[in-house]
């Protein structure tokens, strides 16, 4: 599968940790246009925005639902951002992700790694 485009929005959770939202989009231009429209809302809300961008990657996610119940299950991911590329790996738990993060080699100047949780699940990893 060719790499697609994923809009990734990372926000800080009130109890600590990072929440992730993923939107699969056909083209980078379309993603950037959509992100430009929603960025003012993201930056003006009560939620603290950590990072938002459009990245090439093969991960596919189920649709984001604004009305998820408060106790909805959360899935753990290691989100690695490197320039315009994203690698997203699902983990069994936040603790499992943290252990993996500790073992990663030191990130280069343009690379960032986050352990996140999301109400969205990974439905296809791609090639």
Protein backbone atom coordinates (compact mmCIF):
# COMPACT_ATOMS: atom_id res chain seq x y z
CA UNK A 1 0.00 0.00 0.00
CA UNK A 2 1.32 3.42 -0.87
CA UNK A 3 1.68 5.95 1.91
CA UNK A 4 -1.37 8.09 2.39
CA UNK A 5 -1.79 11.27 4.37
CA UNK A 6 -2.80 11.37 8.01
CA UNK A 7 -3.79 14.52 9.88
CA UNK A 8 -2.50 14.04 13.41
CA UNK A 9 -3.71 16.21 16.28
CA UNK A 10 -2.04 15.79 19.67
CA UNK A 11 -3.51 17.43 22.76
CA UNK A 12 -2.60 17.33 26.43
CA UNK A 13 -4.99 15.39 28.67
CA UNK A 14 -6.13 17.08 31.89
CA UNK A 15 -4.89 14.15 34.01
CA UNK A 16 -1.55 13.98 32.19
CA UNK A 17 -0.58 12.25 29.01
CA UNK A 18 -1.20 13.01 25.37
CA UNK A 19 -4.38 12.34 23.38
CA UNK A 20 -4.23 11.71 19.65
CA UNK A 21 -6.77 12.18 16.88
CA UNK A 22 -6.19 10.80 13.40
CA UNK A 23 -7.90 11.69 10.12
CA UNK A 24 -6.98 9.85 6.92
CA UNK A 25 -7.08 12.25 3.95
CA UNK A 26 -6.44 11.67 0.24
CA UNK A 27 -3.85 14.39 -0.41
CA UNK A 28 -1.44 16.52 1.58
CA UNK A 29 -2.89 19.72 0.04
CA UNK A 30 -6.40 18.77 1.15
CA UNK A 31 -5.09 17.94 4.61
CA UNK A 32 -3.27 21.26 4.95
CA UNK A 33 -6.39 23.13 3.82
CA UNK A 34 -8.59 21.34 6.36
CA UNK A 35 -6.04 21.82 9.13
CA UNK A 36 -5.84 25.55 8.36
CA UNK A 37 -9.63 25.79 8.80
CA UNK A 38 -9.72 23.96 12.14
CA UNK A 39 -6.48 25.24 13.68
CA UNK A 40 -8.12 28.40 15.16
CA UNK A 41 -10.69 26.19 16.91
CA UNK A 42 -7.95 23.88 18.21
CA UNK A 43 -5.88 26.78 19.51
CA UNK A 44 -8.77 28.66 21.14
CA UNK A 45 -10.40 25.79 23.03
CA UNK A 46 -9.92 24.58 26.58
CA UNK A 47 -7.81 21.72 25.31
CA UNK A 48 -4.08 22.41 25.11
CA UNK A 49 -2.77 21.70 21.61
CA UNK A 50 0.64 20.01 21.62
CA UNK A 51 1.06 19.36 17.90
CA UNK A 52 -1.06 19.29 14.74
CA UNK A 53 0.06 18.50 11.23
CA UNK A 54 -0.29 16.54 8.01
CA UNK A 55 2.04 13.60 7.59
CA UNK A 56 2.70 10.88 5.04
CA UNK A 57 2.07 7.45 6.51
CA UNK A 58 0.36 4.15 5.83
CA UNK A 59 -1.68 3.81 9.04
CA UNK A 60 -5.46 3.78 8.61
CA UNK A 61 -7.81 4.60 11.49
CA UNK A 62 -11.48 4.26 12.15
CA UNK A 63 -13.44 7.52 11.92
CA UNK A 64 -13.15 10.13 14.66
CA UNK A 65 -16.37 10.51 16.67
CA UNK A 66 -16.94 13.83 18.48
CA UNK A 67 -19.60 12.26 20.72
CA UNK A 68 -17.73 9.31 22.21
CA UNK A 69 -18.98 8.39 25.71
CA UNK A 70 -16.68 9.43 28.54
CA UNK A 71 -15.76 5.85 29.43
CA UNK A 72 -15.02 4.77 25.85
CA UNK A 73 -11.98 2.48 25.50
CA UNK A 74 -8.69 4.17 24.69
CA UNK A 75 -5.96 2.65 22.55
CA UNK A 76 -2.24 3.30 23.05
CA UNK A 77 0.10 4.38 20.27
CA UNK A 78 3.70 5.39 19.76
CA UNK A 79 3.54 8.29 17.31
CA UNK A 80 6.89 9.05 15.65
CA UNK A 81 7.01 12.22 13.57
CA UNK A 82 9.98 12.87 11.33
CA UNK A 83 9.64 15.86 9.00
CA UNK A 84 6.64 15.11 6.77
CA UNK A 85 6.45 11.39 7.71
CA UNK A 86 4.65 9.64 10.54
CA UNK A 87 5.07 6.12 11.86
CA UNK A 88 2.32 5.03 14.22
CA UNK A 89 2.60 1.81 16.18
CA UNK A 90 -0.14 0.40 18.41
CA UNK A 91 0.84 -0.76 21.91
CA UNK A 92 -0.94 -2.81 24.54
CA UNK A 93 -0.84 0.01 27.11
CA UNK A 94 0.66 3.41 27.87
CA UNK A 95 3.24 1.65 30.06
CA UNK A 96 4.19 -0.68 27.19
CA UNK A 97 4.60 2.35 24.91
CA UNK A 98 6.76 4.12 27.51
CA UNK A 99 9.08 1.08 27.69
CA UNK A 100 9.44 1.09 23.90
CA UNK A 101 10.07 4.84 23.90
CA UNK A 102 12.89 4.42 26.43
CA UNK A 103 14.61 1.90 24.13
CA UNK A 104 14.48 4.05 20.99
CA UNK A 105 17.75 5.58 19.81
CA UNK A 106 18.13 9.30 20.43
CA UNK A 107 15.86 11.19 18.03
CA UNK A 108 17.45 13.29 15.31
CA UNK A 109 16.82 17.06 15.21
CA UNK A 110 13.57 16.83 13.20
CA UNK A 111 12.14 13.75 14.91
CA UNK A 112 9.62 13.67 17.77
CA UNK A 113 8.21 10.63 19.55
CA UNK A 114 5.06 10.59 21.68
CA UNK A 115 3.19 7.95 23.61
CA UNK A 116 -0.48 8.78 23.10
CA UNK A 117 -3.94 7.40 23.68
CA UNK A 118 -6.93 7.67 21.39
CA UNK A 119 -10.55 6.54 21.20
CA UNK A 120 -9.80 5.67 17.57
CA UNK A 121 -8.37 2.30 16.71
CA UNK A 122 -5.84 1.38 14.06
CA UNK A 123 -7.66 -0.59 11.35
CA UNK A 124 -4.78 -1.12 8.88
CA UNK A 125 -1.06 -0.57 9.20
CA UNK A 126 -0.17 -0.61 5.51
CA UNK A 127 3.12 -1.68 4.08
